[in-house]
Amino acid sequence: MASLVPMYVRVKRKNQTIFLALEKSDNFGGVKQKLADIAKVPATSIKLFTSTDASGGDLQDGASVDNFVENDAVLYMILKKDGSDAWEDIDVEAAPLKA
């Protein structure tokens, strides 16, 4: 039986954070499509990572969300550079420190 309670993830890119409600049974291809609709880019131009150093590699389209992330997880998104096969570096602005 599928979970009725969605899980939430934050997807960060540069100075932008996108909040998504997902089902545990969703796969990352579907997540990329949701992000593509928001960012107005093709889903094939998006890569997702679980860390800013990309040490674990990008999350594959067929992989199930519940195998890689937990509720309130942070994912990092990069886009393919315009007119190129090269990808952006993971570049996320840190939150300002409170004084």
Protein backbone atom coordinates (compact mmCIF):
# COMPACT_ATOMS: atom_id res chain seq x y z
CA MET A 1 0.00 0.00 0.00
CA ALA A 2 1.38 3.40 -1.00
CA SER A 3 2.04 5.96 1.67
CA LEU A 4 -0.62 8.66 1.92
CA VAL A 5 1.78 11.02 3.67
CA PRO A 6 4.02 12.83 1.20
CA MET A 7 7.66 13.46 1.90
CA TYR A 8 9.16 16.86 1.34
CA VAL A 9 12.53 17.73 -0.17
CA ARG A 10 14.35 20.97 -0.77
CA VAL A 11 16.20 21.30 -4.07
CA LYS A 12 18.93 23.94 -4.11
CA ARG A 13 20.68 25.62 -7.01
CA LYS A 14 22.71 28.81 -6.68
CA ASN A 15 20.54 31.21 -4.61
CA GLN A 16 17.27 29.34 -5.27
CA THR A 17 15.48 26.72 -3.18
CA ILE A 18 12.55 24.74 -4.57
CA PHE A 19 10.30 22.81 -2.18
CA LEU A 20 8.71 19.64 -3.55
CA ALA A 21 6.16 17.22 -2.12
CA LEU A 22 6.98 13.69 -3.27
CA GLU A 23 5.66 10.19 -2.77
CA LYS A 24 8.14 7.62 -1.53
CA SER A 25 7.40 5.57 -4.64
CA ASP A 26 8.40 8.43 -7.01
CA ASN A 27 11.57 8.02 -9.02
CA PHE A 28 14.14 10.68 -9.79
CA GLY A 29 13.07 10.87 -13.43
CA GLY A 30 9.70 12.16 -12.18
CA VAL A 31 11.43 14.54 -9.77
CA LYS A 32 13.53 15.92 -12.62
CA GLN A 33 10.37 16.38 -14.71
CA LYS A 34 8.71 18.38 -11.90
CA LEU A 35 11.83 20.54 -11.64
CA ALA A 36 12.00 20.92 -15.42
CA ASP A 37 8.42 22.22 -15.45
CA ILE A 38 9.33 24.79 -12.78
CA ALA A 39 12.69 25.81 -14.27
CA LYS A 40 11.43 25.75 -17.89
CA VAL A 41 14.27 23.48 -19.06
CA PRO A 42 14.25 19.92 -20.44
CA ALA A 43 14.43 17.21 -17.77
CA THR A 44 17.46 15.80 -19.59
CA SER A 45 19.29 19.05 -18.73
CA ILE A 46 19.02 18.41 -14.97
CA LYS A 47 21.25 16.40 -12.64
CA LEU A 48 20.52 15.87 -8.94
CA PHE A 49 22.96 15.13 -6.13
CA THR A 50 22.67 14.41 -2.41
CA SER A 51 25.81 16.36 -1.47
CA THR A 52 27.57 19.51 -2.66
CA ASP A 53 30.75 17.64 -3.52
CA ALA A 54 28.97 15.22 -5.89
CA SER A 55 30.92 12.35 -4.31
CA GLY A 56 28.04 9.91 -4.64
CA GLY A 57 27.39 10.71 -8.29
CA ASP A 58 24.13 11.98 -9.71
CA LEU A 59 20.82 10.34 -8.83
CA GLN A 60 19.68 8.10 -11.67
CA ASP A 61 16.24 8.57 -13.25
CA GLY A 62 14.95 5.07 -12.45
CA ALA A 63 16.06 5.12 -8.82
CA SER A 64 13.30 5.33 -6.22
CA VAL A 65 13.21 8.38 -3.99
CA ASP A 66 12.78 6.38 -0.78
CA ASN A 67 16.06 4.51 -1.37
CA PHE A 68 18.15 7.69 -1.39
CA VAL A 69 16.50 10.49 0.55
CA GLU A 70 14.48 10.98 3.71
CA ASN A 71 11.76 13.49 4.50
CA ASP A 72 13.10 17.08 4.58
CA ALA A 73 16.25 16.11 2.67
CA VAL A 74 18.23 18.61 0.64
CA LEU A 75 19.10 17.80 -2.97
CA TYR A 76 21.41 19.83 -5.17
CA MET A 77 20.52 20.57 -8.79
CA ILE A 78 22.78 21.49 -11.66
CA LEU A 79 21.85 22.29 -15.25
CA LYS A 80 23.53 21.59 -18.55
CA LYS A 81 25.22 24.73 -19.87
CA ASP A 82 23.47 26.34 -22.84
CA GLY A 83 24.70 25.07 -26.19
CA SER A 84 27.14 22.64 -24.60
CA ASP A 85 27.45 19.12 -23.24
CA ALA A 86 29.18 20.56 -20.14
CA TRP A 87 27.43 20.83 -16.78
CA GLU A 88 27.43 23.59 -14.18
CA ASP A 89 29.38 23.10 -10.99
CA ILE A 90 27.33 22.65 -7.85
CA ASP A 91 27.10 26.21 -6.57
CA VAL A 92 24.86 26.90 -3.60
CA GLU A 93 24.95 30.13 -1.67
CA ALA A 94 25.32 29.63 2.04
CA ALA A 95 22.66 31.10 4.29
CA PRO A 96 23.80 34.33 5.95
CA LEU A 97 25.05 33.92 9.50
CA LYS A 98 22.97 35.45 12.24
CA ALA A 99 24.78 38.00 14.36
